[in-house]
Amino acid sequence: MVRTIAVVALLSFVGGEGFAQTARVPVISPAERAAIFKAGGAVLRGGKWLGCADAPSPEPATIDLYKDLNGDGRPEAVVTSYGTYCYGMTGQGYALLSKQPNGGWRMMDGGQGIPEFLATKGAGGWPDISIGGPGFCFPVVRWNGKEYAIHRHQYEGKACRPNR
């Protein structure tokens, strides 16, 4: 009985608001999903969008975020891909996309790592991104009006110096 209660409590926590930074992605039309995955570099194979399609056993890519990040009234999307074949020990890669006035999607940033959007902002209201992975001192990139570029390094909100 005690074990059952503990399992139910754990599952409630894992599935609830306390688990990581799981965002609730709104319903996106199939055409919009396809456009996002294509812009994020995913490949449709066997009815699944694959972000690391060259892997021996590729995992499906996901859209983990779909909302306006920079206040321009248009959504941004994050396509996440998985697998150590493409992303090493981090096991994850991402593509940050922005919907353009013409309806297309533009790649704003992407690569190996786990993106965390921060409260600090760069040009045009774009949020800084901490790019996590194994280790402790992570790069934070900032939009400079043309691209996301390394702005600083931090760990748990505090400045740090990466080992070189």
Protein backbone atom coordinates (compact mmCIF):
# COMPACT_ATOMS: atom_id res chain seq x y z
CA MET A 1 0.00 0.00 0.00
CA VAL A 2 2.74 2.47 0.95
CA ARG A 3 4.67 1.55 -2.20
CA THR A 4 1.56 2.23 -4.34
CA ILE A 5 1.06 5.66 -2.76
CA ALA A 6 4.73 6.51 -3.31
CA VAL A 7 4.55 5.50 -6.97
CA VAL A 8 1.35 7.52 -7.52
CA ALA A 9 2.94 10.55 -5.82
CA LEU A 10 6.07 10.22 -7.96
CA LEU A 11 4.06 9.90 -11.17
CA SER A 12 1.97 12.93 -10.19
CA PHE A 13 5.14 14.98 -9.72
CA VAL A 14 6.79 13.75 -12.93
CA GLY A 15 3.68 14.42 -14.98
CA GLY A 16 2.93 17.72 -13.28
CA GLU A 17 4.24 21.24 -13.37
CA GLY A 18 7.27 20.36 -11.24
CA PHE A 19 8.97 18.31 -13.95
CA ALA A 20 11.78 20.14 -15.78
CA GLN A 21 10.57 22.91 -18.05
CA THR A 22 8.07 20.91 -20.04
CA ALA A 23 6.09 23.36 -22.15
CA ARG A 24 2.60 22.59 -23.32
CA VAL A 25 2.68 22.89 -27.09
CA PRO A 26 -0.62 23.99 -28.66
CA VAL A 27 -2.23 22.00 -31.45
CA ILE A 28 -0.40 22.76 -34.69
CA SER A 29 -1.88 21.91 -38.09
CA PRO A 30 -0.22 19.07 -40.02
CA ALA A 31 0.94 21.49 -42.74
CA GLU A 32 2.47 23.85 -40.16
CA ARG A 33 4.15 20.93 -38.36
CA ALA A 34 5.67 19.75 -41.66
CA ALA A 35 6.94 23.27 -42.44
CA ILE A 36 8.50 23.55 -38.97
CA PHE A 37 10.19 20.15 -39.14
CA LYS A 38 11.54 20.85 -42.65
CA ALA A 39 12.92 24.25 -41.61
CA GLY A 40 14.49 22.57 -38.57
CA GLY A 41 16.35 20.09 -40.77
CA ALA A 42 14.22 17.03 -39.98
CA VAL A 43 13.58 14.35 -42.59
CA LEU A 44 10.27 12.54 -43.06
CA ARG A 45 10.85 8.80 -43.15
CA GLY A 46 8.29 6.08 -42.50
CA GLY A 47 5.73 8.65 -41.38
CA LYS A 48 8.06 10.07 -38.70
CA TRP A 49 10.11 13.25 -38.69
CA LEU A 50 13.74 12.41 -37.85
CA GLY A 51 16.24 15.03 -36.74
CA CYS A 52 19.24 12.71 -36.72
CA ALA A 53 18.23 10.67 -39.76
CA ASP A 54 21.74 9.25 -40.35
CA ALA A 55 21.76 7.43 -37.01
CA PRO A 56 21.54 3.61 -37.15
CA SER A 57 18.34 3.75 -35.05
CA PRO A 58 17.03 7.30 -35.42
CA GLU A 59 14.55 8.70 -32.92
CA PRO A 60 11.66 10.97 -33.93
CA ALA A 61 12.19 14.72 -33.63
CA THR A 62 9.73 16.73 -31.54
CA ILE A 63 8.40 20.27 -31.48
CA ASP A 64 9.00 21.24 -27.86
CA LEU A 65 8.06 24.90 -28.02
CA TYR A 66 5.64 26.90 -30.14
CA LYS A 67 5.08 30.44 -28.90
CA ASP A 68 6.14 34.03 -29.44
CA LEU A 69 9.51 34.48 -27.73
CA ASN A 70 10.47 37.97 -28.89
CA GLY A 71 7.16 39.84 -28.75
CA ASP A 72 6.72 40.34 -32.51
CA GLY A 73 3.32 38.62 -32.55
CA ARG A 74 4.56 35.61 -34.54
CA PRO A 75 5.40 32.21 -33.07
CA GLU A 76 8.80 30.66 -32.66
CA ALA A 77 9.32 26.91 -32.55
CA VAL A 78 12.00 24.62 -31.17
CA VAL A 79 12.58 21.33 -32.96
CA THR A 80 14.43 18.87 -30.74
CA SER A 81 16.35 15.86 -32.04
CA TYR A 82 17.83 13.05 -30.00
CA GLY A 83 20.66 10.54 -30.12
CA THR A 84 24.32 10.18 -29.22
CA TYR A 85 25.16 9.33 -32.84
CA CYS A 86 24.64 12.96 -33.85
CA TYR A 87 24.86 14.80 -30.53
CA GLY A 88 27.49 12.96 -28.49
CA MET A 89 27.10 12.65 -24.73
CA THR A 90 24.61 15.53 -24.69
CA GLY A 91 22.27 13.28 -26.64
CA GLN A 92 20.19 16.18 -27.88
CA GLY A 93 20.20 18.88 -30.51
CA TYR A 94 17.85 21.75 -31.22
CA ALA A 95 16.75 24.16 -33.92
CA LEU A 96 15.19 27.50 -32.94
CA LEU A 97 12.92 28.71 -35.72
CA SER A 98 11.02 31.96 -36.21
CA LYS A 99 7.92 32.39 -38.35
CA GLN A 100 8.50 35.12 -40.91
CA PRO A 101 6.00 37.69 -42.24
CA ASN A 102 5.73 35.68 -45.50
CA GLY A 103 4.63 32.59 -43.52
CA GLY A 104 7.93 30.71 -43.90
CA TRP A 105 10.23 29.65 -41.10
CA ARG A 106 13.77 30.94 -40.50
CA MET A 107 16.47 29.13 -38.54
CA MET A 108 17.65 31.49 -35.78
CA ASP A 109 19.98 29.14 -33.90
CA GLY A 110 20.62 25.47 -33.48
CA GLY A 111 23.12 22.75 -32.77
CA GLN A 112 24.12 20.31 -30.09
CA GLY A 113 22.78 21.01 -26.63
CA ILE A 114 19.74 21.59 -24.49
CA PRO A 115 18.38 25.14 -24.88
CA GLU A 116 17.08 27.03 -21.86
CA PHE A 117 15.51 30.41 -22.61
CA LEU A 118 16.55 33.04 -20.08
CA ALA A 119 14.88 36.26 -18.88
CA THR A 120 17.78 38.37 -20.20
CA LYS A 121 17.38 39.59 -23.77
CA GLY A 122 19.40 40.61 -26.79
CA ALA A 123 18.51 42.77 -29.79
CA GLY A 124 14.87 42.82 -30.86
CA GLY A 125 13.67 41.28 -27.60
CA TRP A 126 15.16 37.86 -28.36
CA PRO A 127 15.83 35.87 -25.17
CA ASP A 128 19.33 34.76 -24.28
CA ILE A 129 19.77 30.99 -24.50
CA SER A 130 21.81 28.86 -22.10
CA ILE A 131 22.96 25.81 -24.03
CA GLY A 132 23.23 22.95 -21.57
CA GLY A 133 24.75 19.53 -21.74
CA PRO A 134 27.21 17.44 -19.74
CA GLY A 135 29.38 19.47 -17.42
CA PHE A 136 28.91 22.61 -15.43
CA CYS A 137 29.81 25.85 -17.23
CA PHE A 138 27.46 26.44 -20.15
CA PRO A 139 27.61 28.99 -22.96
CA VAL A 140 24.91 31.64 -23.08
CA VAL A 141 24.22 32.97 -26.55
CA ARG A 142 22.59 36.33 -27.29
CA TRP A 143 20.92 37.60 -30.45
CA ASN A 144 22.96 40.53 -31.81
CA GLY A 145 20.57 41.45 -34.62
CA LYS A 146 22.14 39.05 -37.12
CA GLU A 147 22.87 35.83 -35.23
CA TYR A 148 23.04 34.21 -31.84
CA ALA A 149 26.64 34.54 -30.62
CA ILE A 150 28.37 33.59 -27.37
CA HIS A 151 27.74 36.32 -24.82
CA ARG A 152 28.91 34.72 -21.56
CA HIS A 153 29.16 31.43 -19.66
CA GLN A 154 27.15 30.54 -16.59
CA TYR A 155 26.14 27.71 -14.30
CA GLU A 156 22.97 27.86 -12.20
CA GLY A 157 22.66 31.58 -12.96
CA LYS A 158 26.20 32.49 -11.90
CA ALA A 159 29.11 33.52 -14.12
CA CYS A 160 31.78 30.88 -14.70
CA ARG A 161 34.83 30.22 -16.84
CA PRO A 162 34.81 27.11 -19.00
CA ASN A 163 37.76 24.74 -18.75
CA ARG A 164 39.90 25.09 -21.85
